[in-house]
C-alpha atoms as a PDB file:
ATOM      1  CA  MET A   1       9.022 -11.020   6.592  1.00  0.00           C
ATOM      2  CA  ILE A   2      12.794 -11.597   6.453  1.00  0.00           C
ATOM      3  CA  ARG A   3      12.355 -15.353   6.837  1.00  0.00           C
ATOM      4  CA  GLN A   4       9.771 -15.442   4.044  1.00  0.00           C
ATOM      5  CA  ILE A   5      12.036 -13.443   1.720  1.00  0.00           C
ATOM      6  CA  GLN A   6      14.938 -15.813   2.343  1.00  0.00           C
ATOM      7  CA  GLN A   7      12.719 -18.823   1.659  1.00  0.00           C
ATOM      8  CA  ARG A   8      11.328 -17.387  -1.562  1.00  0.00           C
ATOM      9  CA  VAL A   9      14.527 -15.917  -3.046  1.00  0.00           C
ATOM     10  CA  PRO A  10      17.411 -18.413  -2.824  1.00  0.00           C
ATOM     11  CA  GLY A  11      20.772 -16.728  -2.500  1.00  0.00           C
ATOM     12  CA  VAL A  12      19.440 -13.363  -1.383  1.00  0.00           C
ATOM     13  CA  THR A  13      21.147 -11.530   1.468  1.00  0.00           C
ATOM     14  CA  VAL A  14      18.789  -9.571   3.705  1.00  0.00           C
ATOM     15  CA  VAL A  15      20.511  -6.786   5.643  1.00  0.00           C
ATOM     16  CA  GLN A  16      18.579  -5.175   8.477  1.00  0.00           C
ATOM     17  CA  ARG A  17      19.134  -1.417   8.511  1.00  0.00           C
ATOM     18  CA  ASP A  18      19.300   0.895  11.533  1.00  0.00           C
ATOM     19  CA  ASP A  19      15.548   1.213  11.190  1.00  0.00           C
ATOM     20  CA  PRO A  20      14.076  -2.125  12.404  1.00  0.00           C
ATOM     21  CA  LEU A  21      11.288  -1.899   9.819  1.00  0.00           C
ATOM     22  CA  SER A  22      13.583  -1.451   6.816  1.00  0.00           C
ATOM     23  CA  VAL A  23      15.772  -4.029   5.056  1.00  0.00           C
ATOM     24  CA  SER A  24      18.100  -4.091   2.059  1.00  0.00           C
ATOM     25  CA  LEU A  25      18.139  -7.015  -0.381  1.00  0.00           C
ATOM     26  CA  LYS A  26      21.296  -8.028  -2.211  1.00  0.00           C
ATOM     27  CA  GLY A  27      22.025 -10.962  -4.508  1.00  0.00           C
ATOM     28  CA  GLY A  28      19.641 -13.735  -5.450  1.00  0.00           C
ATOM     29  CA  GLY A  29      19.532 -12.505  -9.036  1.00  0.00           C
ATOM     30  CA  ARG A  30      18.075  -9.169  -7.976  1.00  0.00           C
ATOM     31  CA  ALA A  31      19.259  -5.616  -8.204  1.00  0.00           C
ATOM     32  CA  GLU A  32      19.982  -4.179  -4.773  1.00  0.00           C
ATOM     33  CA  SER A  33      16.812  -2.710  -3.261  1.00  0.00           C
ATOM     34  CA  THR A  34      15.310  -1.475   0.001  1.00  0.00           C
ATOM     35  CA  LEU A  35      11.986  -2.597   1.462  1.00  0.00           C
ATOM     36  CA  ASN A  36      10.116  -0.647   4.110  1.00  0.00           C
ATOM     37  CA  PHE A  37       7.505  -2.374   6.280  1.00  0.00           C
ATOM     38  CA  HIS A  38       6.228   0.626   8.250  1.00  0.00           C
ATOM     39  CA  ARG A  39       2.733   0.712   6.760  1.00  0.00           C
ATOM     40  CA  ILE A  40       2.292  -3.047   7.033  1.00  0.00           C
ATOM     41  CA  TYR A  41       3.422  -2.928  10.653  1.00  0.00           C
ATOM     42  CA  GLY A  42       0.971  -0.130  11.420  1.00  0.00           C
ATOM     43  CA  TYR A  43      -1.870  -2.024   9.776  1.00  0.00           C
ATOM     44  CA  CYS A  44      -1.025  -5.310  11.493  1.00  0.00           C
ATOM     45  CA  ARG A  45      -1.034  -3.691  14.923  1.00  0.00           C
ATOM     46  CA  HIS A  46      -4.827  -3.466  14.666  1.00  0.00           C
ATOM     47  CA  ALA A  47      -5.908  -5.906  11.950  1.00  0.00           C
ATOM     48  CA  PRO A  48      -7.052  -9.502  12.553  1.00  0.00           C
ATOM     49  CA  ALA A  49      -4.222 -12.026  12.158  1.00  0.00           C
ATOM     50  CA  ALA A  50      -5.664 -13.470   8.947  1.00  0.00           C
ATOM     51  CA  ASP A  51      -5.915 -10.020   7.341  1.00  0.00           C
ATOM     52  CA  CYS A  52      -2.367  -9.197   8.412  1.00  0.00           C
ATOM     53  CA  THR A  53      -1.059 -12.425   6.872  1.00  0.00           C
ATOM     54  CA  ALA A  54      -2.900 -11.712   3.626  1.00  0.00           C
ATOM     55  CA  VAL A  55      -1.452  -8.196   3.389  1.00  0.00           C
ATOM     56  CA  ARG A  56       2.087  -9.406   4.062  1.00  0.00           C
ATOM     57  CA  THR A  57       1.748 -12.132   1.444  1.00  0.00           C
ATOM     58  CA  GLU A  58       0.308  -9.706  -1.113  1.00  0.00           C
ATOM     59  CA  PHE A  59       3.161  -7.272  -0.487  1.00  0.00           C
ATOM     60  CA  LEU A  60       5.870  -9.904  -0.930  1.00  0.00           C
ATOM     61  CA  ASP A  61       4.137 -11.386  -3.985  1.00  0.00           C
ATOM     62  CA  LYS A  62       4.279  -7.968  -5.618  1.00  0.00           C
ATOM     63  CA  VAL A  63       7.800  -6.867  -4.700  1.00  0.00           C
ATOM     64  CA  LEU A  64       9.419 -10.251  -5.254  1.00  0.00           C
ATOM     65  CA  ARG A  65       7.615 -10.897  -8.535  1.00  0.00           C
ATOM     66  CA  ASN A  66       8.683  -7.493  -9.835  1.00  0.00           C
ATOM     67  CA  PRO A  67      12.170  -7.017  -8.363  1.00  0.00           C
ATOM     68  CA  MET A  68      12.578  -3.701 -10.167  1.00  0.00           C
ATOM     69  CA  PRO A  69       9.755  -1.300 -11.030  1.00  0.00           C
ATOM     70  CA  PRO A  70       9.619  -0.125 -14.643  1.00  0.00           C
ATOM     71  CA  ALA A  71      11.936   2.784 -15.377  1.00  0.00           C
ATOM     72  CA  PRO A  72      10.110   6.112 -15.157  1.00  0.00           C
ATOM     73  CA  THR A  73       9.143   7.888 -18.360  1.00  0.00           C
ATOM     74  CA  PRO A  74       7.841  11.421 -18.855  1.00  0.00           C
ATOM     75  CA  GLU A  75       4.377   9.896 -19.418  1.00  0.00           C
ATOM     76  CA  SER A  76       4.470   7.868 -16.181  1.00  0.00           C
ATOM     77  CA  LEU A  77       5.198  10.822 -13.879  1.00  0.00           C
ATOM     78  CA  ARG A  78       2.628  11.599 -11.200  1.00  0.00           C
ATOM     79  CA  ILE A  79       2.361  13.512  -7.917  1.00  0.00           C
ATOM     80  CA  ALA A  80       1.386  11.555  -4.805  1.00  0.00           C
ATOM     81  CA  VAL A  81       0.806  12.777  -1.253  1.00  0.00           C
ATOM     82  CA  ARG A  82       2.576  10.989   1.578  1.00  0.00           C
ATOM     83  CA  ASP A  83       3.263  11.641   5.242  1.00  0.00           C
ATOM     84  CA  ALA A  84       6.527  12.600   6.912  1.00  0.00           C
ATOM     85  CA  GLN A  85       7.273   9.034   8.014  1.00  0.00           C
ATOM     86  CA  TYR A  86       7.166   7.841   4.402  1.00  0.00           C
ATOM     87  CA  VAL A  87       9.463  10.606   3.198  1.00  0.00           C
ATOM     88  CA  ARG A  88      11.848  10.036   6.093  1.00  0.00           C
ATOM     89  CA  HIS A  89      12.291   6.348   5.315  1.00  0.00           C
ATOM     90  CA  VAL A  90      12.525   6.441   1.514  1.00  0.00           C
ATOM     91  CA  PRO A  91      16.016   7.448   0.333  1.00  0.00           C
ATOM     92  CA  ALA A  92      16.623   9.635  -2.731  1.00  0.00           C
ATOM     93  CA  ILE A  93      13.199  11.215  -3.090  1.00  0.00           C
ATOM     94  CA  VAL A  94      11.871  14.312  -4.877  1.00  0.00           C
ATOM     95  CA  ALA A  95       9.344  15.924  -2.543  1.00  0.00           C
ATOM     96  CA  GLU A  96       7.870  19.269  -1.505  1.00  0.00           C
ATOM     97  CA  PRO A  97       6.177  19.999   1.848  1.00  0.00           C
ATOM     98  CA  ILE A  98       2.502  20.928   1.615  1.00  0.00           C
ATOM     99  CA  GLY A  99       1.804  20.887   5.336  1.00  0.00           C
ATOM    100  CA  GLU A 100       3.057  20.201   8.807  1.00  0.00           C
ATOM    101  CA  ASP A 101       3.660  16.512   8.096  1.00  0.00           C
ATOM    102  CA  LEU A 102       2.393  16.073   4.519  1.00  0.00           C
ATOM    103  CA  PHE A 103       4.478  16.077   1.346  1.00  0.00           C
ATOM    104  CA  ALA A 104       3.828  16.040  -2.374  1.00  0.00           C
ATOM    105  CA  VAL A 105       6.119  13.378  -3.861  1.00  0.00           C
ATOM    106  CA  LEU A 106       7.227  12.768  -7.448  1.00  0.00           C
ATOM    107  CA  VAL A 107       6.378   9.178  -8.426  1.00  0.00           C
ATOM    108  CA  SER A 108       6.212   6.950 -11.474  1.00  0.00           C
ATOM    109  CA  ASN A 109       2.915   5.212 -12.171  1.00  0.00           C
ATOM    110  CA  ALA A 110       2.836   1.632 -13.503  1.00  0.00           C
ATOM    111  CA  PRO A 111      -0.014  -0.889 -13.829  1.00  0.00           C
ATOM    112  CA  ASP A 112       1.037  -2.824 -10.702  1.00  0.00           C
ATOM    113  CA  SER A 113       3.083  -0.321  -8.746  1.00  0.00           C
ATOM    114  CA  VAL A 114       3.795   3.272  -7.816  1.00  0.00           C
ATOM    115  CA  SER A 115       7.472   4.014  -7.207  1.00  0.00           C
ATOM    116  CA  THR A 116       9.322   7.146  -6.185  1.00  0.00           C
ATOM    117  CA  VAL A 117      11.490   8.901  -8.768  1.00  0.00           C
ATOM    118  CA  PRO A 118      15.051   9.526  -7.526  1.00  0.00           C
ATOM    119  CA  PRO A 119      16.646  12.878  -8.410  1.00  0.00           C
ATOM    120  CA  GLU A 120      19.255  11.222 -10.636  1.00  0.00           C
ATOM    121  CA  ALA A 121      16.485   9.826 -12.883  1.00  0.00           C
ATOM    122  CA  LEU A 122      15.582  13.328 -14.021  1.00  0.00           C
ATOM    123  CA  GLY A 123      18.760  13.540 -16.077  1.00  0.00           C
ATOM    124  CA  THR A 124      17.852  10.330 -17.890  1.00  0.00           C
ATOM    125  CA  LEU A 125      14.404  11.770 -18.576  1.00  0.00           C
ATOM    126  CA  LYS A 126      16.035  14.986 -19.869  1.00  0.00           C
ATOM    127  CA  LEU A 127      13.816  17.020 -17.550  1.00  0.00           C
ATOM    128  CA  THR A 128      14.655  19.606 -14.934  1.00  0.00           C
ATOM    129  CA  ARG A 129      13.061  19.200 -11.536  1.00  0.00           C
ATOM    130  CA  GLY A 130      10.603  21.978 -12.376  1.00  0.00           C
ATOM    131  CA  GLN A 131       9.697  20.446 -15.749  1.00  0.00           C
ATOM    132  CA  ALA A 132       9.205  16.990 -14.221  1.00  0.00           C
ATOM    133  CA  TRP A 133       7.070  18.421 -11.423  1.00  0.00           C
ATOM    134  CA  ALA A 134       4.895  20.443 -13.808  1.00  0.00           C
ATOM    135  CA  ARG A 135       4.349  17.480 -16.113  1.00  0.00           C
ATOM    136  CA  ALA A 136       3.602  15.119 -13.233  1.00  0.00           C
ATOM    137  CA  TRP A 137       1.092  17.564 -11.754  1.00  0.00           C
ATOM    138  CA  GLN A 138      -0.651  18.079 -15.095  1.00  0.00           C
ATOM    139  CA  GLN A 139      -0.923  14.332 -15.709  1.00  0.00           C
ATOM    140  CA  THR A 140      -2.172  13.625 -12.193  1.00  0.00           C
ATOM    141  CA  ARG A 141      -4.683  16.470 -12.086  1.00  0.00           C
ATOM    142  CA  ALA A 142      -6.169  15.375 -15.440  1.00  0.00           C
ATOM    143  CA  GLY A 143      -7.453  12.188 -13.803  1.00  0.00           C
ATOM    144  CA  LEU A 144      -8.837  13.757 -10.633  1.00  0.00           C
ATOM    145  CA  PRO A 145     -12.272  15.228  -9.912  1.00  0.00           C
ATOM    146  CA  ALA A 146     -12.634  18.972  -9.728  1.00  0.00           C
ATOM    147  CA  LEU A 147     -12.574  20.578  -6.310  1.00  0.00           C
ATOM    148  CA  PRO A 148     -15.859  22.159  -5.247  1.00  0.00           C
ATOM    149  CA  SER A 149     -16.263  25.889  -5.633  1.00  0.00           C
ATOM    150  CA  PRO A 150     -15.416  27.845  -2.477  1.00  0.00           C
ATOM    151  CA  SER A 151     -19.089  28.705  -1.927  1.00  0.00           C
ATOM    152  CA  ALA A 152     -20.205  25.070  -2.335  1.00  0.00           C
ATOM    153  CA  MET A 153     -17.505  23.851   0.031  1.00  0.00           C
ATOM    154  CA  ALA A 154     -18.618  26.352   2.635  1.00  0.00           C
ATOM    155  CA  GLN A 155     -22.073  24.759   2.644  1.00  0.00           C
ATOM    156  CA  ASN A 156     -21.668  20.993   2.256  1.00  0.00           C
ATOM    157  CA  PRO A 157     -19.195  18.286   3.241  1.00  0.00           C
ATOM    158  CA  VAL A 158     -17.590  16.342   0.396  1.00  0.00           C
ATOM    159  CA  LEU A 159     -16.221  12.779   0.311  1.00  0.00           C
ATOM    160  CA  PHE A 160     -13.813  11.856  -2.474  1.00  0.00           C
ATOM    161  CA  ALA A 161     -13.432   8.068  -2.627  1.00  0.00           C
ATOM    162  CA  GLU A 162     -12.480   4.996  -4.644  1.00  0.00           C
ATOM    163  CA  GLN A 163     -10.111   6.616  -7.116  1.00  0.00           C
ATOM    164  CA  PRO A 164      -6.292   6.572  -7.235  1.00  0.00           C
ATOM    165  CA  TYR A 165      -4.326   9.691  -6.299  1.00  0.00           C
ATOM    166  CA  LEU A 166      -7.229  11.443  -4.583  1.00  0.00           C
ATOM    167  CA  ALA A 167      -4.866  12.464  -1.786  1.00  0.00           C
ATOM    168  CA  THR A 168      -3.050  14.586  -4.375  1.00  0.00           C
ATOM    169  CA  LEU A 169      -6.005  16.991  -4.267  1.00  0.00           C
ATOM    170  CA  LEU A 170      -4.429  18.343  -1.067  1.00  0.00           C
ATOM    171  CA  ALA A 171      -1.343  19.402  -3.038  1.00  0.00           C
ATOM    172  CA  ASP A 172      -3.323  22.079  -4.894  1.00  0.00           C
ATOM    173  CA  THR A 173      -2.698  24.594  -2.129  1.00  0.00           C
ATOM    174  CA  LYS A 174      -3.588  27.566  -4.342  1.00  0.00           C
ATOM    175  CA  ALA A 175      -7.106  26.202  -4.825  1.00  0.00           C
ATOM    176  CA  TRP A 176      -7.428  25.358  -1.121  1.00  0.00           C
ATOM    177  CA  ARG A 177      -6.427  28.874  -0.149  1.00  0.00           C
ATOM    178  CA  ALA A 178      -9.397  30.201  -2.136  1.00  0.00           C
ATOM    179  CA  ILE A 179     -11.703  27.588  -0.584  1.00  0.00           C
ATOM    180  CA  ALA A 180     -10.468  28.281   2.952  1.00  0.00           C
ATOM    181  CA  ASP A 181     -10.909  32.031   2.505  1.00  0.00           C
ATOM    182  CA  VAL A 182     -14.633  31.465   1.914  1.00  0.00           C
ATOM    183  CA  ALA A 183     -15.257  28.378   4.082  1.00  0.00           C
ATOM    184  CA  GLY A 184     -13.516  29.944   7.050  1.00  0.00           C
ATOM    185  CA  PRO A 185     -11.315  28.584   9.846  1.00  0.00           C
ATOM    186  CA  GLU A 186     -13.660  25.662  10.605  1.00  0.00           C
ATOM    187  CA  LEU A 187     -12.692  23.914   7.351  1.00  0.00           C
ATOM    188  CA  PHE A 188     -10.898  20.579   7.816  1.00  0.00           C
ATOM    189  CA  VAL A 189      -9.770  17.614   5.730  1.00  0.00           C
ATOM    190  CA  THR A 190      -8.830  14.020   6.468  1.00  0.00           C
ATOM    191  CA  VAL A 191      -6.742  11.802   4.198  1.00  0.00           C
ATOM    192  CA  VAL A 192      -6.719   8.280   5.617  1.00  0.00           C
ATOM    193  CA  ALA A 193      -5.800   6.707   2.262  1.00  0.00           C
ATOM    194  CA  ASP A 194      -4.695   7.601  -1.232  1.00  0.00           C
ATOM    195  CA  ASP A 195      -8.227   6.928  -2.443  1.00  0.00           C
ATOM    196  CA  MET A 196     -10.177   8.651   0.348  1.00  0.00           C
ATOM    197  CA  VAL A 197     -10.339  12.355   1.214  1.00  0.00           C
ATOM    198  CA  PHE A 198     -13.060  13.910   3.377  1.00  0.00           C
ATOM    199  CA  VAL A 199     -13.677  17.658   3.568  1.00  0.00           C
ATOM    200  CA  ALA A 200     -16.101  19.451   5.886  1.00  0.00           C
ATOM    201  CA  ARG A 201     -16.494  22.243   8.419  1.00  0.00           C
ATOM    202  CA  MET A 202     -16.615  21.794  12.175  1.00  0.00           C
ATOM    203  CA  PRO A 203     -15.545  24.041  15.078  1.00  0.00           C
ATOM    204  CA  ASP A 204     -13.125  22.926  17.769  1.00  0.00           C
ATOM    205  CA  GLY A 205     -14.830  21.173  20.657  1.00  0.00           C
ATOM    206  CA  PRO A 206     -16.005  17.783  21.960  1.00  0.00           C
ATOM    207  CA  ARG A 207     -17.727  16.824  18.705  1.00  0.00           C
ATOM    208  CA  LEU A 208     -14.540  17.418  16.730  1.00  0.00           C
ATOM    209  CA  GLU A 209     -12.469  15.471  19.267  1.00  0.00           C
ATOM    210  CA  GLN A 210     -14.836  12.531  18.904  1.00  0.00           C
ATOM    211  CA  PHE A 211     -14.528  12.733  15.126  1.00  0.00           C
ATOM    212  CA  LYS A 212     -10.721  12.737  15.402  1.00  0.00           C
ATOM    213  CA  GLN A 213     -10.922   9.405  17.196  1.00  0.00           C
ATOM    214  CA  THR A 214     -13.072   8.060  14.363  1.00  0.00           C
ATOM    215  CA  VAL A 215     -10.431   9.188  11.871  1.00  0.00           C
ATOM    216  CA  ARG A 216      -7.679   7.430  13.844  1.00  0.00           C
ATOM    217  CA  GLU A 217      -9.696   4.226  13.893  1.00  0.00           C
ATOM    218  CA  ASP A 218     -10.405   4.519  10.168  1.00  0.00           C
ATOM    219  CA  CYS A 219      -6.699   5.005   9.514  1.00  0.00           C
ATOM    220  CA  ALA A 220      -5.850   1.913  11.551  1.00  0.00           C
ATOM    221  CA  SER A 221      -8.231  -0.140   9.412  1.00  0.00           C
ATOM    222  CA  GLN A 222      -6.508   0.890   6.166  1.00  0.00           C
ATOM    223  CA  GLN A 223      -3.775  -1.240   4.613  1.00  0.00           C
ATOM    224  CA  ARG A 224      -1.903   1.886   3.523  1.00  0.00           C
ATOM    225  CA  CYS A 225      -3.053   4.770   5.673  1.00  0.00           C
ATOM    226  CA  ILE A 226      -1.565   8.127   4.756  1.00  0.00           C
ATOM    227  CA  SER A 227      -2.410   9.986   7.957  1.00  0.00           C
ATOM    228  CA  PRO A 228      -4.497   9.518  11.116  1.00  0.00           C
ATOM    229  CA  ASN A 229      -4.660  13.297  11.583  1.00  0.00           C
ATOM    230  CA  LEU A 230      -7.291  15.921  10.948  1.00  0.00           C
ATOM    231  CA  TYR A 231      -5.970  19.037   9.175  1.00  0.00           C
ATOM    232  CA  ARG A 232      -6.860  22.717   9.048  1.00  0.00           C
ATOM    233  CA  PHE A 233      -5.632  25.008   6.249  1.00  0.00           C
ATOM    234  CA  ARG A 234      -3.531  27.804   7.716  1.00  0.00           C
ATOM    235  CA  ASP A 235      -1.155  30.237   6.003  1.00  0.00           C
ATOM    236  CA  GLY A 236      -1.089  28.276   2.764  1.00  0.00           C
ATOM    237  CA  ARG A 237      -0.456  24.807   4.206  1.00  0.00           C
ATOM    238  CA  TRP A 238      -2.081  21.941   6.089  1.00  0.00           C
ATOM    239  CA  ILE A 239      -1.688  22.029   9.873  1.00  0.00           C
ATOM    240  CA  VAL A 240      -2.543  19.172  12.243  1.00  0.00           C
ATOM    241  CA  SER A 241      -5.551  20.056  14.400  1.00  0.00           C
ATOM    242  CA  ARG A 242      -4.594  19.269  18.005  1.00  0.00           C
END
């Protein structure tokens, strides 16, 4: 990836950070920026070589064509759900934990990209953290399907798929508390991608362990997997089922 960046952006300096999957770009007519390759690396560990090459090329086409994402506006604010690894490797982030290793993250939505909103941008937007969060949640929730009623969820599994920001459904912990109270302790969710959330009920045991392996394999097949884990809702947050 570093070699390709240097070939495509004359004059750029690529500085490898302490994290071997993170680099900083300076010069070459670009504003200084940081690129993280963790999700691509995870995908390429399991994907065929041709698919890996295509994903790497697509990623560089996007980030090098648009060296800076559009500045966030109040209208562009959204809430995304990401895992702990993502939050750990992205500097200057506005995030709230919603589970053991899941976070709701303040982002800015653009036609070709989703970028995190650094805390210092809130002053430019003339919004407090609470105001930005409330607006982002309202704008994200308006485009998402409704969660099933607690009684319906207790009876039938539900697959949410093929729509952006579906993972953000997990951030509505108040609604999930009501669902879990009715569905009981066997309720679980998986969130292998931003556009795929599966909800069902299943007790602990061999069948669930087999399903966990299926979830891990599904995650490995995703270009941008959010989590390979299966989650239970406990005490108002999502806990990894082990």
